[in-house]
Amino acid sequence: MTNLIRILLVDDHPIVREGVQSLLSNYEEFVVVGEAEDGETAVFQFRALQPDITLLDIRLPDESGLMVLNRLRQIQPTARILLLTSFEDDEYVMAALQAGAQGYILKNASDALLVQAIRAAHRGERVFSPRVTETMVRKLVGGDADLPPLEPLDTEEIQILHLLADGASNSDIGQALYLSSTSVKRKLSRIFSKMNVQTRAQAAAEAVRRGLI
């Protein structure tokens, strides 16, 4: 039997929680173990339920979702927390990533993207809506200073960079290029090494800066 992915929903709008609950109920692998409409309840539920994934809005009635994110990660530093919000402002996105969010998904994302994001986050991958990836690229791309040469990237590696910039997860890349999960991880590691970066966002930003994508 497939191990269940236990999810905590944190949003102050009941209609949002009901909508996400309804969507996830269509998948046997997901179970919503708790809901919270404010930060204090979220922290209490998180301690009591120890969910695999927490879906967290960035604005709550009593405190910001970013403060809640920090509190949850103090309780469990390896907590996998996805921001699910309608706010795509640069400062929110970058603050969430710096605070250790597993991903940042906009509420206007498709049902399929949200489901894929939860699965990817559960596997330990970082996931973002495509528009959020664009925000990160804008923030991370530097000026026109002379750049040191890179070890050449092959055609497949360039394809992977395009997919990263679109917010693709490892699973998405594997499906698009017919690669196993192990192959995707190995190729990403090689790309990161060639580009002298450590994260997917940095790789996408560096690719844009160098005109590779």
N, C-alpha and C. Protein backbone atom coordinates (compact mmCIF):
# COMPACT_ATOMS: atom_id res chain seq x y z
N MET A 1 0.84 -1.20 0.00
CA MET A 1 0.00 0.00 0.00
C MET A 1 0.88 1.25 0.00
N THR A 2 0.51 2.24 -0.78
CA THR A 2 1.25 3.49 -0.86
C THR A 2 1.21 4.22 0.48
N ASN A 3 2.37 4.70 0.95
CA ASN A 3 2.40 5.47 2.17
C ASN A 3 1.65 6.77 1.98
N LEU A 4 0.80 7.10 2.93
CA LEU A 4 0.01 8.31 2.84
C LEU A 4 0.87 9.55 3.10
N ILE A 5 0.58 10.60 2.38
CA ILE A 5 1.21 11.90 2.61
C ILE A 5 0.26 12.71 3.48
N ARG A 6 0.66 12.97 4.71
CA ARG A 6 -0.20 13.62 5.69
C ARG A 6 -0.03 15.14 5.59
N ILE A 7 -1.12 15.84 5.42
CA ILE A 7 -1.08 17.26 5.07
C ILE A 7 -1.83 18.11 6.09
N LEU A 8 -1.23 19.23 6.46
CA LEU A 8 -1.87 20.24 7.30
C LEU A 8 -2.16 21.46 6.43
N LEU A 9 -3.42 21.93 6.43
CA LEU A 9 -3.83 23.10 5.67
C LEU A 9 -3.92 24.31 6.59
N VAL A 10 -3.24 25.39 6.22
CA VAL A 10 -3.28 26.61 7.03
C VAL A 10 -3.69 27.78 6.12
N ASP A 11 -4.94 28.23 6.29
CA ASP A 11 -5.46 29.34 5.50
C ASP A 11 -6.66 29.91 6.25
N ASP A 12 -6.79 31.23 6.25
CA ASP A 12 -7.88 31.83 7.02
C ASP A 12 -9.21 31.84 6.27
N HIS A 13 -9.22 31.38 5.03
CA HIS A 13 -10.46 31.35 4.26
C HIS A 13 -11.00 29.91 4.18
N PRO A 14 -12.13 29.65 4.83
CA PRO A 14 -12.69 28.29 4.80
C PRO A 14 -12.90 27.76 3.39
N ILE A 15 -13.29 28.64 2.47
CA ILE A 15 -13.57 28.18 1.11
C ILE A 15 -12.30 27.66 0.43
N VAL A 16 -11.16 28.26 0.78
CA VAL A 16 -9.88 27.79 0.22
C VAL A 16 -9.54 26.42 0.79
N ARG A 17 -9.68 26.29 2.11
CA ARG A 17 -9.38 25.00 2.74
C ARG A 17 -10.29 23.90 2.20
N GLU A 18 -11.58 24.25 2.04
CA GLU A 18 -12.53 23.26 1.51
C GLU A 18 -12.18 22.87 0.08
N GLY A 19 -11.75 23.85 -0.71
CA GLY A 19 -11.39 23.55 -2.10
C GLY A 19 -10.17 22.64 -2.19
N VAL A 20 -9.16 22.92 -1.40
CA VAL A 20 -7.96 22.09 -1.40
C VAL A 20 -8.28 20.71 -0.86
N GLN A 21 -9.06 20.67 0.21
CA GLN A 21 -9.46 19.38 0.78
C GLN A 21 -10.20 18.54 -0.25
N SER A 22 -11.12 19.19 -0.99
CA SER A 22 -11.89 18.48 -2.01
C SER A 22 -10.98 17.94 -3.11
N LEU A 23 -10.03 18.75 -3.54
CA LEU A 23 -9.09 18.31 -4.57
C LEU A 23 -8.29 17.11 -4.10
N LEU A 24 -7.71 17.23 -2.92
CA LEU A 24 -6.82 16.18 -2.43
C LEU A 24 -7.56 14.88 -2.12
N SER A 25 -8.85 14.98 -1.83
CA SER A 25 -9.63 13.78 -1.54
C SER A 25 -9.77 12.86 -2.75
N ASN A 26 -9.43 13.38 -3.92
CA ASN A 26 -9.49 12.57 -5.14
C ASN A 26 -8.27 11.67 -5.30
N TYR A 27 -7.30 11.82 -4.40
CA TYR A 27 -6.06 11.06 -4.51
C TYR A 27 -5.86 10.22 -3.25
N GLU A 28 -5.72 8.93 -3.43
CA GLU A 28 -5.61 8.02 -2.29
C GLU A 28 -4.35 8.26 -1.48
N GLU A 29 -3.32 8.84 -2.09
CA GLU A 29 -2.05 9.01 -1.39
C GLU A 29 -2.06 10.16 -0.39
N PHE A 30 -3.06 11.06 -0.50
CA PHE A 30 -3.11 12.23 0.37
C PHE A 30 -4.17 12.08 1.46
N VAL A 31 -3.84 12.57 2.64
CA VAL A 31 -4.84 12.67 3.70
C VAL A 31 -4.62 13.98 4.45
N VAL A 32 -5.66 14.79 4.52
CA VAL A 32 -5.58 16.05 5.27
C VAL A 32 -5.84 15.72 6.74
N VAL A 33 -4.81 15.86 7.56
CA VAL A 33 -4.91 15.46 8.96
C VAL A 33 -5.35 16.60 9.87
N GLY A 34 -5.28 17.84 9.34
CA GLY A 34 -5.68 18.96 10.17
C GLY A 34 -5.80 20.25 9.37
N GLU A 35 -6.50 21.22 9.96
CA GLU A 35 -6.68 22.53 9.34
C GLU A 35 -6.49 23.60 10.41
N ALA A 36 -6.04 24.77 9.96
CA ALA A 36 -5.89 25.90 10.88
C ALA A 36 -6.20 27.18 10.13
N GLU A 37 -6.82 28.13 10.84
CA GLU A 37 -7.18 29.40 10.21
C GLU A 37 -6.31 30.55 10.70
N ASP A 38 -5.39 30.26 11.62
CA ASP A 38 -4.50 31.32 12.11
C ASP A 38 -3.18 30.70 12.55
N GLY A 39 -2.22 31.56 12.87
CA GLY A 39 -0.89 31.09 13.19
C GLY A 39 -0.81 30.25 14.45
N GLU A 40 -1.46 30.68 15.51
CA GLU A 40 -1.39 29.94 16.77
C GLU A 40 -1.95 28.53 16.62
N THR A 41 -3.08 28.42 15.94
CA THR A 41 -3.67 27.10 15.72
C THR A 41 -2.76 26.25 14.85
N ALA A 42 -2.14 26.89 13.86
CA ALA A 42 -1.23 26.15 12.98
C ALA A 42 -0.07 25.54 13.76
N VAL A 43 0.52 26.34 14.66
CA VAL A 43 1.64 25.84 15.46
C VAL A 43 1.19 24.69 16.36
N PHE A 44 0.02 24.86 16.99
CA PHE A 44 -0.52 23.80 17.85
C PHE A 44 -0.75 22.51 17.06
N GLN A 45 -1.41 22.66 15.90
CA GLN A 45 -1.71 21.49 15.07
C GLN A 45 -0.43 20.84 14.56
N PHE A 46 0.53 21.65 14.20
CA PHE A 46 1.80 21.12 13.68
C PHE A 46 2.50 20.28 14.74
N ARG A 47 2.54 20.79 15.97
CA ARG A 47 3.18 20.03 17.06
C ARG A 47 2.45 18.71 17.30
N ALA A 48 1.13 18.78 17.30
CA ALA A 48 0.33 17.61 17.65
C ALA A 48 0.30 16.57 16.53
N LEU A 49 0.25 17.03 15.30
CA LEU A 49 0.01 16.12 14.17
C LEU A 49 1.27 15.71 13.42
N GLN A 50 2.31 16.52 13.49
CA GLN A 50 3.57 16.25 12.77
C GLN A 50 3.30 15.85 11.32
N PRO A 51 2.71 16.75 10.54
CA PRO A 51 2.38 16.43 9.14
C PRO A 51 3.62 16.27 8.27
N ASP A 52 3.45 15.56 7.16
CA ASP A 52 4.54 15.44 6.20
C ASP A 52 4.70 16.73 5.41
N ILE A 53 3.58 17.35 5.07
CA ILE A 53 3.56 18.58 4.28
C ILE A 53 2.61 19.57 4.94
N THR A 54 3.04 20.83 5.02
CA THR A 54 2.15 21.89 5.49
C THR A 54 1.94 22.88 4.35
N LEU A 55 0.68 23.11 3.99
CA LEU A 55 0.34 24.13 3.01
C LEU A 55 -0.04 25.39 3.77
N LEU A 56 0.71 26.46 3.56
CA LEU A 56 0.61 27.65 4.42
C LEU A 56 0.39 28.91 3.60
N ASP A 57 -0.65 29.66 3.96
CA ASP A 57 -0.87 30.96 3.32
C ASP A 57 0.09 31.97 3.92
N ILE A 58 0.43 33.00 3.16
CA ILE A 58 1.42 33.96 3.64
C ILE A 58 0.79 35.05 4.50
N ARG A 59 -0.53 35.22 4.43
CA ARG A 59 -1.22 36.21 5.27
C ARG A 59 -2.27 35.51 6.12
N LEU A 60 -2.14 35.68 7.43
CA LEU A 60 -3.06 35.09 8.39
C LEU A 60 -3.54 36.19 9.33
N PRO A 61 -4.64 35.97 10.04
CA PRO A 61 -5.22 37.04 10.86
C PRO A 61 -4.34 37.52 12.01
N ASP A 62 -3.62 36.59 12.65
CA ASP A 62 -2.89 36.97 13.86
C ASP A 62 -1.40 37.25 13.63
N GLU A 63 -0.82 36.67 12.60
CA GLU A 63 0.59 36.91 12.30
C GLU A 63 0.85 36.49 10.87
N SER A 64 1.96 36.90 10.32
CA SER A 64 2.23 36.59 8.92
C SER A 64 2.60 35.11 8.77
N GLY A 65 2.33 34.60 7.58
CA GLY A 65 2.71 33.23 7.30
C GLY A 65 4.21 33.03 7.39
N LEU A 66 4.98 34.08 7.11
CA LEU A 66 6.44 33.97 7.22
C LEU A 66 6.87 33.75 8.66
N MET A 67 6.20 34.42 9.59
CA MET A 67 6.50 34.20 11.01
C MET A 67 6.13 32.79 11.41
N VAL A 68 4.99 32.31 10.92
CA VAL A 68 4.58 30.94 11.21
C VAL A 68 5.58 29.95 10.63
N LEU A 69 6.02 30.22 9.41
CA LEU A 69 7.03 29.36 8.77
C LEU A 69 8.27 29.25 9.65
N ASN A 70 8.73 30.37 10.16
CA ASN A 70 9.91 30.35 11.03
C ASN A 70 9.65 29.55 12.31
N ARG A 71 8.46 29.72 12.88
CA ARG A 71 8.13 29.00 14.12
C ARG A 71 8.06 27.49 13.87
N LEU A 72 7.47 27.12 12.75
CA LEU A 72 7.36 25.68 12.45
C LEU A 72 8.73 25.06 12.22
N ARG A 73 9.61 25.80 11.56
CA ARG A 73 10.95 25.26 11.30
C ARG A 73 11.82 25.25 12.56
N GLN A 74 11.46 26.07 13.53
CA GLN A 74 12.15 25.97 14.82
C GLN A 74 11.74 24.69 15.54
N ILE A 75 10.49 24.31 15.37
CA ILE A 75 10.00 23.06 15.96
C ILE A 75 10.61 21.87 15.25
N GLN A 76 10.59 21.94 13.91
CA GLN A 76 11.12 20.85 13.10
C GLN A 76 11.91 21.45 11.93
N PRO A 77 13.25 21.52 12.06
CA PRO A 77 14.07 22.18 11.03
C PRO A 77 13.94 21.58 9.64
N THR A 78 13.56 20.31 9.56
CA THR A 78 13.42 19.67 8.24
C THR A 78 11.98 19.67 7.74
N ALA A 79 11.12 20.46 8.38
CA ALA A 79 9.72 20.51 7.97
C ALA A 79 9.59 20.92 6.51
N ARG A 80 8.68 20.25 5.81
CA ARG A 80 8.44 20.55 4.40
C ARG A 80 7.18 21.40 4.30
N ILE A 81 7.41 22.68 4.08
CA ILE A 81 6.33 23.66 4.11
C ILE A 81 6.23 24.35 2.76
N LEU A 82 5.05 24.26 2.17
CA LEU A 82 4.78 24.91 0.89
C LEU A 82 3.94 26.15 1.14
N LEU A 83 4.39 27.30 0.66
CA LEU A 83 3.56 28.49 0.69
C LEU A 83 2.54 28.37 -0.44
N LEU A 84 1.27 28.48 -0.09
CA LEU A 84 0.18 28.45 -1.08
C LEU A 84 -0.56 29.77 -0.92
N THR A 85 -0.34 30.70 -1.83
CA THR A 85 -0.79 32.06 -1.61
C THR A 85 -1.10 32.76 -2.93
N SER A 86 -1.80 33.87 -2.83
CA SER A 86 -2.10 34.66 -4.03
C SER A 86 -1.08 35.78 -4.23
N PHE A 87 -0.14 35.92 -3.30
CA PHE A 87 0.83 37.02 -3.36
C PHE A 87 2.11 36.58 -4.05
N GLU A 88 2.46 37.26 -5.12
CA GLU A 88 3.68 36.92 -5.86
C GLU A 88 4.71 38.05 -5.81
N ASP A 89 4.56 38.95 -4.85
CA ASP A 89 5.50 40.06 -4.71
C ASP A 89 6.91 39.54 -4.45
N ASP A 90 7.89 40.22 -5.04
CA ASP A 90 9.27 39.80 -4.91
C ASP A 90 9.69 39.58 -3.46
N GLU A 91 9.31 40.55 -2.61
CA GLU A 91 9.79 40.48 -1.23
C GLU A 91 9.23 39.27 -0.49
N TYR A 92 7.97 38.89 -0.80
CA TYR A 92 7.38 37.71 -0.17
C TYR A 92 8.10 36.44 -0.63
N VAL A 93 8.30 36.34 -1.94
CA VAL A 93 8.93 35.15 -2.50
C VAL A 93 10.32 34.95 -1.91
N MET A 94 11.14 35.98 -1.96
CA MET A 94 12.52 35.85 -1.49
C MET A 94 12.59 35.62 0.01
N ALA A 95 11.71 36.28 0.76
CA ALA A 95 11.69 36.07 2.22
C ALA A 95 11.30 34.64 2.56
N ALA A 96 10.34 34.09 1.83
CA ALA A 96 9.91 32.71 2.08
C ALA A 96 11.04 31.73 1.80
N LEU A 97 11.76 31.95 0.70
CA LEU A 97 12.86 31.06 0.36
C LEU A 97 13.98 31.16 1.37
N GLN A 98 14.29 32.38 1.80
CA GLN A 98 15.33 32.56 2.79
C GLN A 98 14.95 31.93 4.12
N ALA A 99 13.64 31.87 4.40
CA ALA A 99 13.18 31.27 5.65
C ALA A 99 13.12 29.75 5.57
N GLY A 100 13.36 29.20 4.39
CA GLY A 100 13.43 27.75 4.27
C GLY A 100 12.19 27.07 3.74
N ALA A 101 11.32 27.81 3.07
CA ALA A 101 10.13 27.17 2.48
C ALA A 101 10.56 26.13 1.46
N GLN A 102 9.81 25.02 1.41
CA GLN A 102 10.09 23.97 0.44
C GLN A 102 9.67 24.38 -0.96
N GLY A 103 8.73 25.33 -1.03
CA GLY A 103 8.27 25.81 -2.32
C GLY A 103 7.30 26.95 -2.16
N TYR A 104 6.91 27.51 -3.29
CA TYR A 104 6.02 28.68 -3.29
C TYR A 104 5.09 28.52 -4.48
N ILE A 105 3.82 28.22 -4.17
CA ILE A 105 2.84 27.95 -5.21
C ILE A 105 1.73 29.01 -5.13
N LEU A 106 1.38 29.57 -6.28
CA LEU A 106 0.32 30.56 -6.33
C LEU A 106 -1.04 29.87 -6.35
N LYS A 107 -2.03 30.54 -5.75
CA LYS A 107 -3.36 29.94 -5.66
C LYS A 107 -4.04 29.81 -7.02
N ASN A 108 -3.55 30.53 -8.01
CA ASN A 108 -4.15 30.38 -9.33
C ASN A 108 -3.49 29.26 -10.14
N ALA A 109 -2.61 28.50 -9.48
CA ALA A 109 -1.99 27.36 -10.15
C ALA A 109 -3.05 26.31 -10.46
N SER A 110 -2.78 25.50 -11.45
CA SER A 110 -3.72 24.44 -11.80
C SER A 110 -3.74 23.38 -10.72
N ASP A 111 -4.83 22.62 -10.67
CA ASP A 111 -4.92 21.52 -9.71
C ASP A 111 -3.75 20.55 -9.91
N ALA A 112 -3.42 20.29 -11.17
CA ALA A 112 -2.34 19.35 -11.47
C ALA A 112 -1.01 19.84 -10.92
N LEU A 113 -0.75 21.15 -11.04
CA LEU A 113 0.50 21.69 -10.54
C LEU A 113 0.58 21.58 -9.02
N LEU A 114 -0.52 21.85 -8.33
CA LEU A 114 -0.52 21.75 -6.88
C LEU A 114 -0.26 20.31 -6.44
N VAL A 115 -0.91 19.36 -7.09
CA VAL A 115 -0.71 17.95 -6.75
C VAL A 115 0.75 17.56 -7.00
N GLN A 116 1.29 17.96 -8.14
CA GLN A 116 2.70 17.66 -8.45
C GLN A 116 3.62 18.31 -7.44
N ALA A 117 3.29 19.52 -7.02
CA ALA A 117 4.13 20.24 -6.05
C ALA A 117 4.16 19.52 -4.71
N ILE A 118 3.03 19.03 -4.26
CA ILE A 118 2.98 18.30 -2.98
C ILE A 118 3.81 17.03 -3.08
N ARG A 119 3.66 16.31 -4.17
CA ARG A 119 4.43 15.08 -4.35
C ARG A 119 5.93 15.38 -4.38
N ALA A 120 6.30 16.42 -5.12
CA ALA A 120 7.71 16.77 -5.24
C ALA A 120 8.28 17.22 -3.89
N ALA A 121 7.53 18.04 -3.17
CA ALA A 121 7.98 18.50 -1.86
C ALA A 121 8.16 17.33 -0.90
N HIS A 122 7.27 16.36 -1.00
CA HIS A 122 7.38 15.17 -0.14
C HIS A 122 8.64 14.39 -0.45
N ARG A 123 9.09 14.45 -1.72
CA ARG A 123 10.33 13.78 -2.10
C ARG A 123 11.56 14.60 -1.72
N GLY A 124 11.34 15.80 -1.19
CA GLY A 124 12.45 16.64 -0.79
C GLY A 124 12.87 17.65 -1.83
N GLU A 125 12.10 17.75 -2.93
CA GLU A 125 12.44 18.71 -3.98
C GLU A 125 11.83 20.07 -3.65
N ARG A 126 12.46 21.11 -4.18
CA ARG A 126 11.90 22.45 -4.05
C ARG A 126 11.07 22.76 -5.29
N VAL A 127 9.91 23.34 -5.08
CA VAL A 127 8.98 23.54 -6.19
C VAL A 127 8.40 24.95 -6.19
N PHE A 128 8.18 25.47 -7.39
CA PHE A 128 7.69 26.84 -7.53
C PHE A 128 6.74 26.94 -8.71
N SER A 129 5.77 27.82 -8.58
CA SER A 129 4.96 28.17 -9.74
C SER A 129 5.87 28.86 -10.76
N PRO A 130 5.60 28.68 -12.06
CA PRO A 130 6.46 29.30 -13.08
C PRO A 130 6.66 30.80 -12.88
N ARG A 131 5.61 31.53 -12.50
CA ARG A 131 5.75 32.98 -12.32
C ARG A 131 6.65 33.30 -11.14
N VAL A 132 6.68 32.41 -10.16
CA VAL A 132 7.57 32.61 -9.02
C VAL A 132 9.02 32.41 -9.45
N THR A 133 9.24 31.43 -10.32
CA THR A 133 10.59 31.22 -10.86
C THR A 133 11.07 32.47 -11.57
N GLU A 134 10.19 33.11 -12.33
CA GLU A 134 10.55 34.35 -13.03
C GLU A 134 10.96 35.43 -12.02
N THR A 135 10.24 35.50 -10.91
CA THR A 135 10.57 36.47 -9.86
C THR A 135 11.97 36.22 -9.32
N MET A 136 12.27 34.95 -9.05
CA MET A 136 13.58 34.61 -8.51
C MET A 136 14.68 34.94 -9.50
N VAL A 137 14.43 34.68 -10.78
CA VAL A 137 15.43 34.98 -11.80
C VAL A 137 15.70 36.48 -11.83
N ARG A 138 14.64 37.29 -11.78
CA ARG A 138 14.81 38.74 -11.79
C ARG A 138 15.67 39.19 -10.61
N LYS A 139 15.48 38.56 -9.46
CA LYS A 139 16.22 38.97 -8.27
C LYS A 139 17.67 38.50 -8.30
N LEU A 140 17.88 37.31 -8.88
CA LEU A 140 19.20 36.70 -8.80
C LEU A 140 20.12 37.08 -9.95
N VAL A 141 19.53 37.50 -11.07
CA VAL A 141 20.35 37.86 -12.22
C VAL A 141 21.13 39.14 -11.91
N GLY A 142 22.41 39.13 -12.19
CA GLY A 142 23.24 40.29 -11.92
C GLY A 142 23.38 41.19 -13.13
N GLY A 143 24.38 42.02 -13.10
CA GLY A 143 24.60 42.98 -14.17
C GLY A 143 25.34 42.37 -15.34
N ASP A 144 25.99 43.21 -16.14
CA ASP A 144 26.67 42.78 -17.35
C ASP A 144 28.17 42.62 -17.15
N ALA A 145 28.58 42.40 -15.93
CA ALA A 145 30.02 42.25 -15.67
C ALA A 145 30.55 41.04 -16.44
N ASP A 146 31.86 41.10 -16.75
CA ASP A 146 32.46 39.97 -17.44
C ASP A 146 32.32 38.72 -16.60
N LEU A 147 31.90 37.65 -17.26
CA LEU A 147 31.65 36.39 -16.55
C LEU A 147 32.73 35.38 -16.90
N PRO A 148 33.17 34.60 -15.92
CA PRO A 148 34.16 33.56 -16.22
C PRO A 148 33.55 32.50 -17.13
N PRO A 149 34.36 31.89 -17.99
CA PRO A 149 33.82 30.88 -18.91
C PRO A 149 33.32 29.66 -18.15
N LEU A 150 32.31 29.02 -18.74
CA LEU A 150 31.75 27.79 -18.18
C LEU A 150 32.25 26.59 -18.94
N GLU A 151 32.30 25.46 -18.25
CA GLU A 151 32.49 24.20 -18.96
C GLU A 151 31.27 24.02 -19.88
N PRO A 152 31.46 23.66 -21.13
CA PRO A 152 30.34 23.59 -22.08
C PRO A 152 29.20 22.70 -21.58
N LEU A 153 27.96 23.14 -21.83
CA LEU A 153 26.76 22.38 -21.50
C LEU A 153 26.25 21.72 -22.78
N ASP A 154 25.84 20.46 -22.67
CA ASP A 154 25.33 19.77 -23.85
C ASP A 154 23.85 20.11 -24.06
N THR A 155 23.29 19.64 -25.17
CA THR A 155 21.92 19.97 -25.54
C THR A 155 20.93 19.56 -24.47
N GLU A 156 21.10 18.38 -23.91
CA GLU A 156 20.17 17.90 -22.89
C GLU A 156 20.24 18.75 -21.64
N GLU A 157 21.44 19.18 -21.28
CA GLU A 157 21.59 20.03 -20.10
C GLU A 157 20.91 21.39 -20.31
N ILE A 158 20.99 21.91 -21.52
CA ILE A 158 20.29 23.16 -21.83
C ILE A 158 18.78 22.95 -21.72
N GLN A 159 18.29 21.80 -22.19
CA GLN A 159 16.86 21.49 -22.08
C GLN A 159 16.44 21.45 -20.62
N ILE A 160 17.28 20.87 -19.80
CA ILE A 160 16.98 20.79 -18.36
C ILE A 160 16.92 22.20 -17.76
N LEU A 161 17.81 23.08 -18.17
CA LEU A 161 17.80 24.45 -17.66
C LEU A 161 16.51 25.17 -18.07
N HIS A 162 16.05 24.94 -19.30
CA HIS A 162 14.78 25.52 -19.73
C HIS A 162 13.65 25.04 -18.83
N LEU A 163 13.65 23.75 -18.51
CA LEU A 163 12.60 23.19 -17.67
C LEU A 163 12.68 23.75 -16.25
N LEU A 164 13.90 23.89 -15.74
CA LEU A 164 14.06 24.48 -14.40
C LEU A 164 13.48 25.89 -14.36
N ALA A 165 13.75 26.67 -15.39
CA ALA A 165 13.26 28.05 -15.43
C ALA A 165 11.75 28.10 -15.49
N ASP A 166 11.12 27.03 -15.97
CA ASP A 166 9.66 26.96 -16.03
C ASP A 166 9.06 26.40 -14.74
N GLY A 167 9.92 26.13 -13.75
CA GLY A 167 9.44 25.63 -12.47
C GLY A 167 9.25 24.13 -12.41
N ALA A 168 9.86 23.40 -13.34
CA ALA A 168 9.67 21.95 -13.39
C ALA A 168 10.33 21.25 -12.20
N SER A 169 9.67 20.24 -11.69
CA SER A 169 10.23 19.40 -10.63
C SER A 169 11.10 18.33 -11.27
N ASN A 170 11.83 17.57 -10.46
CA ASN A 170 12.62 16.45 -10.98
C ASN A 170 11.75 15.46 -11.74
N SER A 171 10.56 15.22 -11.20
CA SER A 171 9.64 14.30 -11.85
C SER A 171 9.22 14.83 -13.22
N ASP A 172 8.93 16.13 -13.30
CA ASP A 172 8.54 16.75 -14.56
C ASP A 172 9.67 16.62 -15.59
N ILE A 173 10.89 16.86 -15.15
CA ILE A 173 12.05 16.77 -16.05
C ILE A 173 12.20 15.34 -16.56
N GLY A 174 12.05 14.38 -15.64
CA GLY A 174 12.16 12.98 -16.04
C GLY A 174 11.13 12.59 -17.09
N GLN A 175 9.90 13.04 -16.88
CA GLN A 175 8.84 12.72 -17.84
C GLN A 175 9.07 13.39 -19.18
N ALA A 176 9.54 14.64 -19.15
CA ALA A 176 9.74 15.38 -20.40
C ALA A 176 10.89 14.82 -21.22
N LEU A 177 11.93 14.34 -20.55
CA LEU A 177 13.14 13.90 -21.26
C LEU A 177 13.35 12.39 -21.19
N TYR A 178 12.35 11.69 -20.64
CA TYR A 178 12.40 10.23 -20.54
C TYR A 178 13.64 9.75 -19.77
N LEU A 179 13.80 10.36 -18.60
CA LEU A 179 14.93 10.04 -17.73
C LEU A 179 14.43 9.48 -16.42
N SER A 180 15.20 8.60 -15.83
CA SER A 180 14.87 8.09 -14.51
C SER A 180 15.15 9.16 -13.46
N SER A 181 14.58 8.98 -12.27
CA SER A 181 14.81 9.92 -11.18
C SER A 181 16.30 10.03 -10.86
N THR A 182 16.99 8.89 -10.86
CA THR A 182 18.43 8.89 -10.57
C THR A 182 19.20 9.66 -11.62
N SER A 183 18.81 9.49 -12.89
CA SER A 183 19.49 10.20 -13.97
C SER A 183 19.29 11.70 -13.87
N VAL A 184 18.06 12.11 -13.52
CA VAL A 184 17.80 13.54 -13.38
C VAL A 184 18.66 14.14 -12.29
N LYS A 185 18.72 13.48 -11.14
CA LYS A 185 19.53 13.99 -10.03
C LYS A 185 21.00 14.07 -10.42
N ARG A 186 21.48 13.05 -11.13
CA ARG A 186 22.89 13.04 -11.54
C ARG A 186 23.19 14.18 -12.51
N LYS A 187 22.27 14.39 -13.46
CA LYS A 187 22.47 15.44 -14.45
C LYS A 187 22.39 16.83 -13.81
N LEU A 188 21.45 17.00 -12.87
CA LEU A 188 21.37 18.29 -12.17
C LEU A 188 22.66 18.57 -11.40
N SER A 189 23.17 17.54 -10.74
CA SER A 189 24.41 17.70 -9.99
C SER A 189 25.55 18.13 -10.91
N ARG A 190 25.59 17.54 -12.11
CA ARG A 190 26.64 17.89 -13.07
C ARG A 190 26.46 19.33 -13.57
N ILE A 191 25.21 19.71 -13.84
CA ILE A 191 24.93 21.08 -14.28
C ILE A 191 25.35 22.09 -13.21
N PHE A 192 24.97 21.80 -11.95
CA PHE A 192 25.32 22.70 -10.84
C PHE A 192 26.84 22.85 -10.75
N SER A 193 27.55 21.73 -10.93
CA SER A 193 29.01 21.75 -10.85
C SER A 193 29.60 22.59 -11.98
N LYS A 194 29.09 22.41 -13.20
CA LYS A 194 29.59 23.17 -14.34
C LYS A 194 29.34 24.66 -14.17
N MET A 195 28.19 25.01 -13.59
CA MET A 195 27.80 26.41 -13.48
C MET A 195 28.24 27.04 -12.17
N ASN A 196 28.82 26.22 -11.30
CA ASN A 196 29.29 26.70 -9.99
C ASN A 196 28.14 27.31 -9.19
N VAL A 197 27.01 26.60 -9.14
CA VAL A 197 25.85 27.03 -8.36
C VAL A 197 25.44 25.89 -7.44
N GLN A 198 24.53 26.19 -6.52
CA GLN A 198 24.12 25.19 -5.54
C GLN A 198 22.63 24.89 -5.56
N THR A 199 21.84 25.75 -6.18
CA THR A 199 20.39 25.55 -6.16
C THR A 199 19.81 25.65 -7.57
N ARG A 200 18.58 25.17 -7.70
CA ARG A 200 17.88 25.23 -8.98
C ARG A 200 17.66 26.68 -9.41
N ALA A 201 17.27 27.52 -8.44
CA ALA A 201 17.02 28.92 -8.76
C ALA A 201 18.29 29.61 -9.25
N GLN A 202 19.42 29.32 -8.61
CA GLN A 202 20.69 29.91 -9.04
C GLN A 202 21.06 29.43 -10.44
N ALA A 203 20.80 28.16 -10.73
CA ALA A 203 21.10 27.63 -12.06
C ALA A 203 20.27 28.34 -13.12
N ALA A 204 18.98 28.52 -12.84
CA ALA A 204 18.10 29.20 -13.80
C ALA A 204 18.54 30.64 -14.00
N ALA A 205 18.88 31.31 -12.90
CA ALA A 205 19.31 32.70 -12.99
C ALA A 205 20.61 32.82 -13.78
N GLU A 206 21.55 31.94 -13.52
CA GLU A 206 22.83 31.98 -14.23
C GLU A 206 22.64 31.70 -15.71
N ALA A 207 21.73 30.78 -16.02
CA ALA A 207 21.46 30.46 -17.43
C ALA A 207 20.88 31.68 -18.16
N VAL A 208 19.99 32.41 -17.48
CA VAL A 208 19.42 33.62 -18.09
C VAL A 208 20.50 34.68 -18.27
N ARG A 209 21.32 34.85 -17.24
CA ARG A 209 22.36 35.88 -17.29
C ARG A 209 23.33 35.63 -18.43
N ARG A 210 23.60 34.37 -18.71
CA ARG A 210 24.56 34.03 -19.76
C ARG A 210 23.90 33.83 -21.12
N GLY A 211 22.59 34.02 -21.18
CA GLY A 211 21.90 33.88 -22.46
C GLY A 211 21.78 32.45 -22.94
N LEU A 212 21.84 31.50 -22.00
CA LEU A 212 21.73 30.09 -22.38
C LEU A 212 20.30 29.67 -22.64
N ILE A 213 19.35 30.41 -22.02
CA ILE A 213 17.93 30.09 -22.22
C ILE A 213 17.15 31.38 -22.47
